[in-house]
Amino acid sequence: MDVKASLRQVHVSPQKARLVADMVRGRNVNDAINILAFTRKKSAEVISKLLKSAIANAEENHKVVDVDDLFIKTIMVDKAITQKRFMPRARGSASPIKKRHSHITIVLNER
């Protein structure tokens, strides 16, 4: 049984979020929470909240008895919208600034 949780339009770059997602992919839920708690990245906090949401989904919706048996089957970080802004530069010119967003999806499964 797969338990799924997703988060859309997170204001973090997909490239930066994938660094954190790669650290916890395939691990037990308890190990992943510990790793994310001591990782000093913005996306670690976001992924930790999403993981706790997936655990709550497993307990409430799928009636999983033992949460300790869950592991992260897949974690995907996809590209979302990119906000385009402009920064003033010298001599009246401007340079573009891209504010990237992500969609993060976690799928848990039992061992």
PDB file of N, CA and C in Angstrom:
ATOM      1  N   MET A   1       0.840  -1.172   0.000  1.00  0.00           N
ATOM      2  CA  MET A   1       0.000   0.000   0.000  1.00  0.00           C
ATOM      3  C   MET A   1       0.891   1.242   0.000  1.00  0.00           C
ATOM      4  N   ASP A   2       0.642   2.119  -0.934  1.00  0.00           N
ATOM      5  CA  ASP A   2       1.421   3.347  -1.034  1.00  0.00           C
ATOM      6  C   ASP A   2       0.670   4.489  -0.369  1.00  0.00           C
ATOM      7  N   VAL A   3       1.396   5.252   0.444  1.00  0.00           N
ATOM      8  CA  VAL A   3       0.848   6.431   1.096  1.00  0.00           C
ATOM      9  C   VAL A   3       1.524   7.635   0.463  1.00  0.00           C
ATOM     10  N   LYS A   4       0.725   8.614   0.044  1.00  0.00           N
ATOM     11  CA  LYS A   4       1.257   9.714  -0.737  1.00  0.00           C
ATOM     12  C   LYS A   4       0.945  11.045  -0.065  1.00  0.00           C
ATOM     13  N   ALA A   5       1.898  11.971  -0.161  1.00  0.00           N
ATOM     14  CA  ALA A   5       1.683  13.355   0.264  1.00  0.00           C
ATOM     15  C   ALA A   5       2.436  14.239  -0.712  1.00  0.00           C
ATOM     16  N   SER A   6       1.832  15.359  -1.072  1.00  0.00           N
ATOM     17  CA  SER A   6       2.495  16.249  -2.020  1.00  0.00           C
ATOM     18  C   SER A   6       2.342  17.691  -1.573  1.00  0.00           C
ATOM     19  N   LEU A   7       3.282  18.488  -2.003  1.00  0.00           N
ATOM     20  CA  LEU A   7       3.314  19.909  -1.688  1.00  0.00           C
ATOM     21  C   LEU A   7       3.627  20.644  -2.968  1.00  0.00           C
ATOM     22  N   ARG A   8       2.808  21.630  -3.292  1.00  0.00           N
ATOM     23  CA  ARG A   8       2.954  22.312  -4.572  1.00  0.00           C
ATOM     24  C   ARG A   8       3.332  23.770  -4.350  1.00  0.00           C
ATOM     25  N   GLN A   9       4.040  24.322  -5.336  1.00  0.00           N
ATOM     26  CA  GLN A   9       4.442  25.733  -5.367  1.00  0.00           C
ATOM     27  C   GLN A   9       5.269  26.132  -4.142  1.00  0.00           C
ATOM     28  N   VAL A  10       6.261  25.323  -3.793  1.00  0.00           N
ATOM     29  CA  VAL A  10       7.169  25.638  -2.695  1.00  0.00           C
ATOM     30  C   VAL A  10       8.221  26.605  -3.223  1.00  0.00           C
ATOM     31  N   HIS A  11       8.478  27.665  -2.485  1.00  0.00           N
ATOM     32  CA  HIS A  11       9.455  28.650  -2.948  1.00  0.00           C
ATOM     33  C   HIS A  11      10.876  28.206  -2.576  1.00  0.00           C
ATOM     34  N   VAL A  12      11.327  27.175  -3.257  1.00  0.00           N
ATOM     35  CA  VAL A  12      12.703  26.709  -3.149  1.00  0.00           C
ATOM     36  C   VAL A  12      13.075  26.137  -4.512  1.00  0.00           C
ATOM     37  N   SER A  13      14.290  26.349  -4.916  1.00  0.00           N
ATOM     38  CA  SER A  13      14.740  25.888  -6.221  1.00  0.00           C
ATOM     39  C   SER A  13      14.738  24.357  -6.273  1.00  0.00           C
ATOM     40  N   PRO A  14      14.311  23.762  -7.401  1.00  0.00           N
ATOM     41  CA  PRO A  14      14.304  22.300  -7.490  1.00  0.00           C
ATOM     42  C   PRO A  14      15.691  21.687  -7.329  1.00  0.00           C
ATOM     43  N   GLN A  15      16.695  22.364  -7.834  1.00  0.00           N
ATOM     44  CA  GLN A  15      18.064  21.850  -7.734  1.00  0.00           C
ATOM     45  C   GLN A  15      18.501  21.764  -6.276  1.00  0.00           C
ATOM     46  N   LYS A  16      18.155  22.772  -5.481  1.00  0.00           N
ATOM     47  CA  LYS A  16      18.529  22.771  -4.067  1.00  0.00           C
ATOM     48  C   LYS A  16      17.702  21.773  -3.267  1.00  0.00           C
ATOM     49  N   ALA A  17      16.438  21.609  -3.640  1.00  0.00           N
ATOM     50  CA  ALA A  17      15.584  20.660  -2.926  1.00  0.00           C
ATOM     51  C   ALA A  17      15.984  19.222  -3.230  1.00  0.00           C
ATOM     52  N   ARG A  18      16.474  18.956  -4.437  1.00  0.00           N
ATOM     53  CA  ARG A  18      16.893  17.591  -4.797  1.00  0.00           C
ATOM     54  C   ARG A  18      18.105  17.146  -3.993  1.00  0.00           C
ATOM     55  N   LEU A  19      18.962  18.082  -3.595  1.00  0.00           N
ATOM     56  CA  LEU A  19      20.113  17.731  -2.751  1.00  0.00           C
ATOM     57  C   LEU A  19      19.648  17.117  -1.435  1.00  0.00           C
ATOM     58  N   VAL A  20      18.620  17.684  -0.846  1.00  0.00           N
ATOM     59  CA  VAL A  20      18.097  17.175   0.419  1.00  0.00           C
ATOM     60  C   VAL A  20      17.287  15.901   0.188  1.00  0.00           C
ATOM     61  N   ALA A  21      16.531  15.860  -0.909  1.00  0.00           N
ATOM     62  CA  ALA A  21      15.708  14.684  -1.195  1.00  0.00           C
ATOM     63  C   ALA A  21      16.571  13.443  -1.423  1.00  0.00           C
ATOM     64  N   ASP A  22      17.735  13.624  -2.033  1.00  0.00           N
ATOM     65  CA  ASP A  22      18.623  12.491  -2.280  1.00  0.00           C
ATOM     66  C   ASP A  22      19.176  11.897  -0.987  1.00  0.00           C
ATOM     67  N   MET A  23      19.265  12.719   0.069  1.00  0.00           N
ATOM     68  CA  MET A  23      19.798  12.218   1.341  1.00  0.00           C
ATOM     69  C   MET A  23      18.849  11.254   2.030  1.00  0.00           C
ATOM     70  N   VAL A  24      17.528  11.412   1.822  1.00  0.00           N
ATOM     71  CA  VAL A  24      16.563  10.607   2.569  1.00  0.00           C
ATOM     72  C   VAL A  24      15.861   9.555   1.720  1.00  0.00           C
ATOM     73  N   ARG A  25      16.108   9.531   0.424  1.00  0.00           N
ATOM     74  CA  ARG A  25      15.424   8.578  -0.464  1.00  0.00           C
ATOM     75  C   ARG A  25      15.792   7.140  -0.078  1.00  0.00           C
ATOM     76  N   GLY A  26      14.786   6.290   0.123  1.00  0.00           N
ATOM     77  CA  GLY A  26      15.001   4.889   0.436  1.00  0.00           C
ATOM     78  C   GLY A  26      15.223   4.584   1.902  1.00  0.00           C
ATOM     79  N   ARG A  27      15.198   5.563   2.761  1.00  0.00           N
ATOM     80  CA  ARG A  27      15.473   5.337   4.182  1.00  0.00           C
ATOM     81  C   ARG A  27      14.186   5.114   4.972  1.00  0.00           C
ATOM     82  N   ASN A  28      14.346   4.578   6.188  1.00  0.00           N
ATOM     83  CA  ASN A  28      13.217   4.454   7.105  1.00  0.00           C
ATOM     84  C   ASN A  28      12.745   5.848   7.500  1.00  0.00           C
ATOM     85  N   VAL A  29      11.500   5.927   7.928  1.00  0.00           N
ATOM     86  CA  VAL A  29      10.905   7.214   8.260  1.00  0.00           C
ATOM     87  C   VAL A  29      11.613   7.865   9.452  1.00  0.00           C
ATOM     88  N   ASN A  30      11.928   7.071  10.476  1.00  0.00           N
ATOM     89  CA  ASN A  30      12.586   7.639  11.658  1.00  0.00           C
ATOM     90  C   ASN A  30      13.984   8.153  11.324  1.00  0.00           C
ATOM     91  N   ASP A  31      14.716   7.409  10.510  1.00  0.00           N
ATOM     92  CA  ASP A  31      16.050   7.856  10.104  1.00  0.00           C
ATOM     93  C   ASP A  31      15.962   9.135   9.289  1.00  0.00           C
ATOM     94  N   ALA A  32      14.986   9.205   8.411  1.00  0.00           N
ATOM     95  CA  ALA A  32      14.829  10.379   7.558  1.00  0.00           C
ATOM     96  C   ALA A  32      14.492  11.621   8.381  1.00  0.00           C
ATOM     97  N   ILE A  33      13.638  11.471   9.391  1.00  0.00           N
ATOM     98  CA  ILE A  33      13.295  12.618  10.241  1.00  0.00           C
ATOM     99  C   ILE A  33      14.523  13.107  10.994  1.00  0.00           C
ATOM    100  N   ASN A  34      15.350  12.195  11.486  1.00  0.00           N
ATOM    101  CA  ASN A  34      16.566  12.584  12.190  1.00  0.00           C
ATOM    102  C   ASN A  34      17.549  13.293  11.257  1.00  0.00           C
ATOM    103  N   ILE A  35      17.703  12.793  10.053  1.00  0.00           N
ATOM    104  CA  ILE A  35      18.612  13.424   9.094  1.00  0.00           C
ATOM    105  C   ILE A  35      18.132  14.832   8.756  1.00  0.00           C
ATOM    106  N   LEU A  36      16.837  14.968   8.512  1.00  0.00           N
ATOM    107  CA  LEU A  36      16.292  16.271   8.137  1.00  0.00           C
ATOM    108  C   LEU A  36      16.352  17.271   9.289  1.00  0.00           C
ATOM    109  N   ALA A  37      16.271  16.784  10.525  1.00  0.00           N
ATOM    110  CA  ALA A  37      16.312  17.686  11.681  1.00  0.00           C
ATOM    111  C   ALA A  37      17.672  18.367  11.819  1.00  0.00           C
ATOM    112  N   PHE A  38      18.735  17.688  11.382  1.00  0.00           N
ATOM    113  CA  PHE A  38      20.075  18.246  11.545  1.00  0.00           C
ATOM    114  C   PHE A  38      20.680  18.751  10.248  1.00  0.00           C
ATOM    115  N   THR A  39      19.878  18.858   9.199  1.00  0.00           N
ATOM    116  CA  THR A  39      20.352  19.402   7.933  1.00  0.00           C
ATOM    117  C   THR A  39      20.028  20.887   7.898  1.00  0.00           C
ATOM    118  N   ARG A  40      21.037  21.698   7.624  1.00  0.00           N
ATOM    119  CA  ARG A  40      20.867  23.143   7.652  1.00  0.00           C
ATOM    120  C   ARG A  40      20.559  23.691   6.258  1.00  0.00           C
ATOM    121  N   LYS A  41      19.421  23.310   5.731  1.00  0.00           N
ATOM    122  CA  LYS A  41      18.951  23.809   4.436  1.00  0.00           C
ATOM    123  C   LYS A  41      17.478  24.172   4.585  1.00  0.00           C
ATOM    124  N   LYS A  42      17.040  25.139   3.802  1.00  0.00           N
ATOM    125  CA  LYS A  42      15.638  25.554   3.857  1.00  0.00           C
ATOM    126  C   LYS A  42      14.716  24.424   3.427  1.00  0.00           C
ATOM    127  N   SER A  43      15.124  23.694   2.407  1.00  0.00           N
ATOM    128  CA  SER A  43      14.270  22.624   1.898  1.00  0.00           C
ATOM    129  C   SER A  43      14.171  21.451   2.866  1.00  0.00           C
ATOM    130  N   ALA A  44      15.107  21.308   3.800  1.00  0.00           N
ATOM    131  CA  ALA A  44      15.038  20.220   4.778  1.00  0.00           C
ATOM    132  C   ALA A  44      13.835  20.386   5.692  1.00  0.00           C
ATOM    133  N   GLU A  45      13.551  21.606   6.082  1.00  0.00           N
ATOM    134  CA  GLU A  45      12.399  21.863   6.942  1.00  0.00           C
ATOM    135  C   GLU A  45      11.096  21.597   6.191  1.00  0.00           C
ATOM    136  N   VAL A  46      11.044  21.992   4.926  1.00  0.00           N
ATOM    137  CA  VAL A  46       9.847  21.782   4.112  1.00  0.00           C
ATOM    138  C   VAL A  46       9.604  20.294   3.895  1.00  0.00           C
ATOM    139  N   ILE A  47      10.661  19.548   3.565  1.00  0.00           N
ATOM    140  CA  ILE A  47      10.522  18.109   3.324  1.00  0.00           C
ATOM    141  C   ILE A  47      10.179  17.376   4.621  1.00  0.00           C
ATOM    142  N   SER A  48      10.699  17.852   5.750  1.00  0.00           N
ATOM    143  CA  SER A  48      10.375  17.237   7.035  1.00  0.00           C
ATOM    144  C   SER A  48       8.891  17.377   7.354  1.00  0.00           C
ATOM    145  N   LYS A  49       8.333  18.567   7.116  1.00  0.00           N
ATOM    146  CA  LYS A  49       6.906  18.768   7.351  1.00  0.00           C
ATOM    147  C   LYS A  49       6.069  17.894   6.427  1.00  0.00           C
ATOM    148  N   LEU A  50       6.504  17.773   5.187  1.00  0.00           N
ATOM    149  CA  LEU A  50       5.783  16.946   4.230  1.00  0.00           C
ATOM    150  C   LEU A  50       5.849  15.471   4.616  1.00  0.00           C
ATOM    151  N   LEU A  51       6.989  15.031   5.117  1.00  0.00           N
ATOM    152  CA  LEU A  51       7.142  13.648   5.570  1.00  0.00           C
ATOM    153  C   LEU A  51       6.233  13.359   6.762  1.00  0.00           C
ATOM    154  N   LYS A  52       6.146  14.294   7.697  1.00  0.00           N
ATOM    155  CA  LYS A  52       5.258  14.119   8.840  1.00  0.00           C
ATOM    156  C   LYS A  52       3.795  14.096   8.396  1.00  0.00           C
ATOM    157  N   SER A  53       3.469  14.850   7.362  1.00  0.00           N
ATOM    158  CA  SER A  53       2.118  14.821   6.801  1.00  0.00           C
ATOM    159  C   SER A  53       1.817  13.470   6.166  1.00  0.00           C
ATOM    160  N   ALA A  54       2.796  12.902   5.471  1.00  0.00           N
ATOM    161  CA  ALA A  54       2.608  11.583   4.865  1.00  0.00           C
ATOM    162  C   ALA A  54       2.428  10.505   5.942  1.00  0.00           C
ATOM    163  N   ILE A  55       3.148  10.639   7.044  1.00  0.00           N
ATOM    164  CA  ILE A  55       2.995   9.688   8.156  1.00  0.00           C
ATOM    165  C   ILE A  55       1.598   9.806   8.756  1.00  0.00           C
ATOM    166  N   ALA A  56       1.115  11.034   8.905  1.00  0.00           N
ATOM    167  CA  ALA A  56      -0.241  11.240   9.428  1.00  0.00           C
ATOM    168  C   ALA A  56      -1.280  10.673   8.471  1.00  0.00           C
ATOM    169  N   ASN A  57      -1.051  10.807   7.156  1.00  0.00           N
ATOM    170  CA  ASN A  57      -1.958  10.212   6.172  1.00  0.00           C
ATOM    171  C   ASN A  57      -1.989   8.690   6.314  1.00  0.00           C
ATOM    172  N   ALA A  58      -0.826   8.106   6.563  1.00  0.00           N
ATOM    173  CA  ALA A  58      -0.749   6.655   6.715  1.00  0.00           C
ATOM    174  C   ALA A  58      -1.533   6.188   7.939  1.00  0.00           C
ATOM    175  N   GLU A  59      -1.414   6.922   9.030  1.00  0.00           N
ATOM    176  CA  GLU A  59      -2.110   6.533  10.253  1.00  0.00           C
ATOM    177  C   GLU A  59      -3.618   6.730  10.126  1.00  0.00           C
ATOM    178  N   GLU A  60      -4.014   7.855   9.573  1.00  0.00           N
ATOM    179  CA  GLU A  60      -5.435   8.207   9.562  1.00  0.00           C
ATOM    180  C   GLU A  60      -6.201   7.555   8.408  1.00  0.00           C
ATOM    181  N   ASN A  61      -5.694   7.695   7.193  1.00  0.00           N
ATOM    182  CA  ASN A  61      -6.454   7.261   6.024  1.00  0.00           C
ATOM    183  C   ASN A  61      -6.237   5.794   5.672  1.00  0.00           C
ATOM    184  N   HIS A  62      -5.021   5.297   5.866  1.00  0.00           N
ATOM    185  CA  HIS A  62      -4.692   3.939   5.447  1.00  0.00           C
ATOM    186  C   HIS A  62      -4.614   2.955   6.610  1.00  0.00           C
ATOM    187  N   LYS A  63      -4.842   3.456   7.836  1.00  0.00           N
ATOM    188  CA  LYS A  63      -4.891   2.616   9.049  1.00  0.00           C
ATOM    189  C   LYS A  63      -3.634   1.757   9.217  1.00  0.00           C
ATOM    190  N   VAL A  64      -2.467   2.377   9.015  1.00  0.00           N
ATOM    191  CA  VAL A  64      -1.209   1.681   9.236  1.00  0.00           C
ATOM    192  C   VAL A  64      -0.998   1.556  10.741  1.00  0.00           C
ATOM    193  N   VAL A  65      -0.760   0.335  11.204  1.00  0.00           N
ATOM    194  CA  VAL A  65      -0.645   0.090  12.638  1.00  0.00           C
ATOM    195  C   VAL A  65       0.724   0.511  13.149  1.00  0.00           C
ATOM    196  N   ASP A  66       1.792   0.071  12.477  1.00  0.00           N
ATOM    197  CA  ASP A  66       3.150   0.344  12.942  1.00  0.00           C
ATOM    198  C   ASP A  66       3.828   1.307  11.984  1.00  0.00           C
ATOM    199  N   VAL A  67       4.021   2.533  12.443  1.00  0.00           N
ATOM    200  CA  VAL A  67       4.629   3.571  11.605  1.00  0.00           C
ATOM    201  C   VAL A  67       6.124   3.312  11.407  1.00  0.00           C
ATOM    202  N   ASP A  68       6.738   2.562  12.330  1.00  0.00           N
ATOM    203  CA  ASP A  68       8.176   2.308  12.239  1.00  0.00           C
ATOM    204  C   ASP A  68       8.540   1.439  11.036  1.00  0.00           C
ATOM    205  N   ASP A  69       7.579   0.741  10.459  1.00  0.00           N
ATOM    206  CA  ASP A  69       7.840  -0.103   9.285  1.00  0.00           C
ATOM    207  C   ASP A  69       7.826   0.681   7.974  1.00  0.00           C
ATOM    208  N   LEU A  70       7.435   1.945   8.015  1.00  0.00           N
ATOM    209  CA  LEU A  70       7.351   2.734   6.789  1.00  0.00           C
ATOM    210  C   LEU A  70       8.737   3.186   6.325  1.00  0.00           C
ATOM    211  N   PHE A  71       8.910   3.254   5.016  1.00  0.00           N
ATOM    212  CA  PHE A  71      10.129   3.812   4.441  1.00  0.00           C
ATOM    213  C   PHE A  71       9.754   4.672   3.247  1.00  0.00           C
ATOM    214  N   ILE A  72      10.659   5.526   2.839  1.00  0.00           N
ATOM    215  CA  ILE A  72      10.413   6.435   1.721  1.00  0.00           C
ATOM    216  C   ILE A  72      10.670   5.686   0.430  1.00  0.00           C
ATOM    217  N   LYS A  73       9.591   5.331  -0.252  1.00  0.00           N
ATOM    218  CA  LYS A  73       9.707   4.590  -1.505  1.00  0.00           C
ATOM    219  C   LYS A  73      10.216   5.510  -2.616  1.00  0.00           C
ATOM    220  N   THR A  74       9.549   6.630  -2.810  1.00  0.00           N
ATOM    221  CA  THR A  74      10.003   7.619  -3.785  1.00  0.00           C
ATOM    222  C   THR A  74       9.813   9.010  -3.210  1.00  0.00           C
ATOM    223  N   ILE A  75      10.697   9.896  -3.610  1.00  0.00           N
ATOM    224  CA  ILE A  75      10.550  11.312  -3.312  1.00  0.00           C
ATOM    225  C   ILE A  75      10.955  12.054  -4.582  1.00  0.00           C
ATOM    226  N   MET A  76      10.021  12.828  -5.099  1.00  0.00           N
ATOM    227  CA  MET A  76      10.244  13.526  -6.363  1.00  0.00           C
ATOM    228  C   MET A  76      10.189  15.020  -6.145  1.00  0.00           C
ATOM    229  N   VAL A  77      11.107  15.722  -6.776  1.00  0.00           N
ATOM    230  CA  VAL A  77      11.110  17.177  -6.762  1.00  0.00           C
ATOM    231  C   VAL A  77      11.028  17.633  -8.213  1.00  0.00           C
ATOM    232  N   ASP A  78       9.898  18.220  -8.561  1.00  0.00           N
ATOM    233  CA  ASP A  78       9.666  18.660  -9.929  1.00  0.00           C
ATOM    234  C   ASP A  78       9.676  20.180 -10.006  1.00  0.00           C
ATOM    235  N   LYS A  79       9.940  20.669 -11.200  1.00  0.00           N
ATOM    236  CA  LYS A  79       9.981  22.105 -11.439  1.00  0.00           C
ATOM    237  C   LYS A  79       8.568  22.663 -11.508  1.00  0.00           C
ATOM    238  N   ALA A  80       8.340  23.807 -10.882  1.00  0.00           N
ATOM    239  CA  ALA A  80       7.056  24.486 -10.926  1.00  0.00           C
ATOM    240  C   ALA A  80       7.238  25.814 -11.665  1.00  0.00           C
ATOM    241  N   ILE A  81       6.417  26.775 -11.366  1.00  0.00           N
ATOM    242  CA  ILE A  81       6.495  28.055 -12.062  1.00  0.00           C
ATOM    243  C   ILE A  81       7.792  28.784 -11.727  1.00  0.00           C
ATOM    244  N   THR A  82       8.164  29.696 -12.588  1.00  0.00           N
ATOM    245  CA  THR A  82       9.312  30.558 -12.345  1.00  0.00           C
ATOM    246  C   THR A  82       8.843  31.998 -12.437  1.00  0.00           C
ATOM    247  N   GLN A  83       8.959  32.727 -11.339  1.00  0.00           N
ATOM    248  CA  GLN A  83       8.608  34.141 -11.356  1.00  0.00           C
ATOM    249  C   GLN A  83       9.771  34.919 -11.951  1.00  0.00           C
ATOM    250  N   LYS A  84       9.475  35.810 -12.860  1.00  0.00           N
ATOM    251  CA  LYS A  84      10.518  36.600 -13.502  1.00  0.00           C
ATOM    252  C   LYS A  84      10.470  38.021 -12.963  1.00  0.00           C
ATOM    253  N   ARG A  85      11.583  38.462 -12.424  1.00  0.00           N
ATOM    254  CA  ARG A  85      11.729  39.814 -11.885  1.00  0.00           C
ATOM    255  C   ARG A  85      12.950  40.452 -12.533  1.00  0.00           C
ATOM    256  N   PHE A  86      13.090  41.749 -12.352  1.00  0.00           N
ATOM    257  CA  PHE A  86      14.234  42.449 -12.938  1.00  0.00           C
ATOM    258  C   PHE A  86      14.912  43.300 -11.882  1.00  0.00           C
ATOM    259  N   MET A  87      16.251  43.296 -11.913  1.00  0.00           N
ATOM    260  CA  MET A  87      17.069  44.054 -10.981  1.00  0.00           C
ATOM    261  C   MET A  87      17.726  45.203 -11.745  1.00  0.00           C
ATOM    262  N   PRO A  88      17.592  46.432 -11.265  1.00  0.00           N
ATOM    263  CA  PRO A  88      18.256  47.548 -11.945  1.00  0.00           C
ATOM    264  C   PRO A  88      19.771  47.402 -11.899  1.00  0.00           C
ATOM    265  N   ARG A  89      20.408  47.770 -12.992  1.00  0.00           N
ATOM    266  CA  ARG A  89      21.858  47.687 -13.095  1.00  0.00           C
ATOM    267  C   ARG A  89      22.427  49.021 -13.551  1.00  0.00           C
ATOM    268  N   ALA A  90      23.712  49.042 -13.763  1.00  0.00           N
ATOM    269  CA  ALA A  90      24.399  50.282 -14.127  1.00  0.00           C
ATOM    270  C   ALA A  90      23.982  50.767 -15.512  1.00  0.00           C
ATOM    271  N   ARG A  91      24.071  52.058 -15.707  1.00  0.00           N
ATOM    272  CA  ARG A  91      23.800  52.713 -16.990  1.00  0.00           C
ATOM    273  C   ARG A  91      22.376  52.502 -17.489  1.00  0.00           C
ATOM    274  N   GLY A  92      21.428  52.388 -16.580  1.00  0.00           N
ATOM    275  CA  GLY A  92      20.027  52.278 -16.966  1.00  0.00           C
ATOM    276  C   GLY A  92      19.605  50.931 -17.511  1.00  0.00           C
ATOM    277  N   SER A  93      20.437  49.912 -17.372  1.00  0.00           N
ATOM    278  CA  SER A  93      20.061  48.585 -17.866  1.00  0.00           C
ATOM    279  C   SER A  93      19.424  47.777 -16.735  1.00  0.00           C
ATOM    280  N   ALA A  94      19.001  46.577 -17.052  1.00  0.00           N
ATOM    281  CA  ALA A  94      18.390  45.695 -16.057  1.00  0.00           C
ATOM    282  C   ALA A  94      18.792  44.266 -16.364  1.00  0.00           C
ATOM    283  N   SER A  95      18.871  43.450 -15.318  1.00  0.00           N
ATOM    284  CA  SER A  95      19.188  42.035 -15.520  1.00  0.00           C
ATOM    285  C   SER A  95      18.054  41.202 -14.923  1.00  0.00           C
ATOM    286  N   PRO A  96      17.727  40.074 -15.550  1.00  0.00           N
ATOM    287  CA  PRO A  96      16.603  39.266 -15.062  1.00  0.00           C
ATOM    288  C   PRO A  96      16.966  38.464 -13.815  1.00  0.00           C
ATOM    289  N   ILE A  97      15.967  38.268 -12.956  1.00  0.00           N
ATOM    290  CA  ILE A  97      16.095  37.434 -11.767  1.00  0.00           C
ATOM    291  C   ILE A  97      15.000  36.379 -11.880  1.00  0.00           C
ATOM    292  N   LYS A  98      15.351  35.113 -11.738  1.00  0.00           N
ATOM    293  CA  LYS A  98      14.380  34.028 -11.817  1.00  0.00           C
ATOM    294  C   LYS A  98      14.178  33.448 -10.427  1.00  0.00           C
ATOM    295  N   LYS A  99      12.951  33.547  -9.933  1.00  0.00           N
ATOM    296  CA  LYS A  99      12.609  32.985  -8.629  1.00  0.00           C
ATOM    297  C   LYS A  99      11.901  31.665  -8.881  1.00  0.00           C
ATOM    298  N   ARG A 100      12.598  30.577  -8.633  1.00  0.00           N
ATOM    299  CA  ARG A 100      12.107  29.252  -8.996  1.00  0.00           C
ATOM    300  C   ARG A 100      11.287  28.634  -7.873  1.00  0.00           C
ATOM    301  N   HIS A 101      10.343  27.769  -8.260  1.00  0.00           N
ATOM    302  CA  HIS A 101       9.476  27.065  -7.325  1.00  0.00           C
ATOM    303  C   HIS A 101       9.512  25.571  -7.635  1.00  0.00           C
ATOM    304  N   SER A 102       9.032  24.766  -6.680  1.00  0.00           N
ATOM    305  CA  SER A 102       9.092  23.306  -6.810  1.00  0.00           C
ATOM    306  C   SER A 102       7.764  22.671  -6.422  1.00  0.00           C
ATOM    307  N   HIS A 103       7.538  21.468  -6.962  1.00  0.00           N
ATOM    308  CA  HIS A 103       6.496  20.573  -6.492  1.00  0.00           C
ATOM    309  C   HIS A 103       7.229  19.370  -5.882  1.00  0.00           C
ATOM    310  N   ILE A 104       6.898  19.032  -4.623  1.00  0.00           N
ATOM    311  CA  ILE A 104       7.554  17.922  -3.943  1.00  0.00           C
ATOM    312  C   ILE A 104       6.505  16.860  -3.631  1.00  0.00           C
ATOM    313  N   THR A 105       6.816  15.597  -3.952  1.00  0.00           N
ATOM    314  CA  THR A 105       5.903  14.483  -3.712  1.00  0.00           C
ATOM    315  C   THR A 105       6.659  13.368  -2.998  1.00  0.00           C
ATOM    316  N   ILE A 106       6.063  12.856  -1.914  1.00  0.00           N
ATOM    317  CA  ILE A 106       6.653  11.746  -1.160  1.00  0.00           C
ATOM    318  C   ILE A 106       5.686  10.568  -1.199  1.00  0.00           C
ATOM    319  N   VAL A 107       6.218   9.380  -1.465  1.00  0.00           N
ATOM    320  CA  VAL A 107       5.424   8.145  -1.434  1.00  0.00           C
ATOM    321  C   VAL A 107       6.078   7.215  -0.411  1.00  0.00           C
ATOM    322  N   LEU A 108       5.296   6.797   0.586  1.00  0.00           N
ATOM    323  CA  LEU A 108       5.770   5.872   1.615  1.00  0.00           C
ATOM    324  C   LEU A 108       5.200   4.488   1.371  1.00  0.00           C
ATOM    325  N   ASN A 109       5.911   3.485   1.836  1.00  0.00           N
ATOM    326  CA  ASN A 109       5.451   2.102   1.720  1.00  0.00           C
ATOM    327  C   ASN A 109       5.916   1.329   2.943  1.00  0.00           C
ATOM    328  N   GLU A 110       5.303   0.183   3.196  1.00  0.00           N
ATOM    329  CA  GLU A 110       5.695  -0.655   4.332  1.00  0.00           C
ATOM    330  C   GLU A 110       6.722  -1.689   3.910  1.00  0.00           C
ATOM    331  N   ARG A 111       7.628  -1.998   4.799  1.00  0.00           N
ATOM    332  CA  ARG A 111       8.612  -3.046   4.526  1.00  0.00           C
ATOM    333  C   ARG A 111       8.005  -4.397   4.830  1.00  0.00           C
TER     334      ARG A 111
END
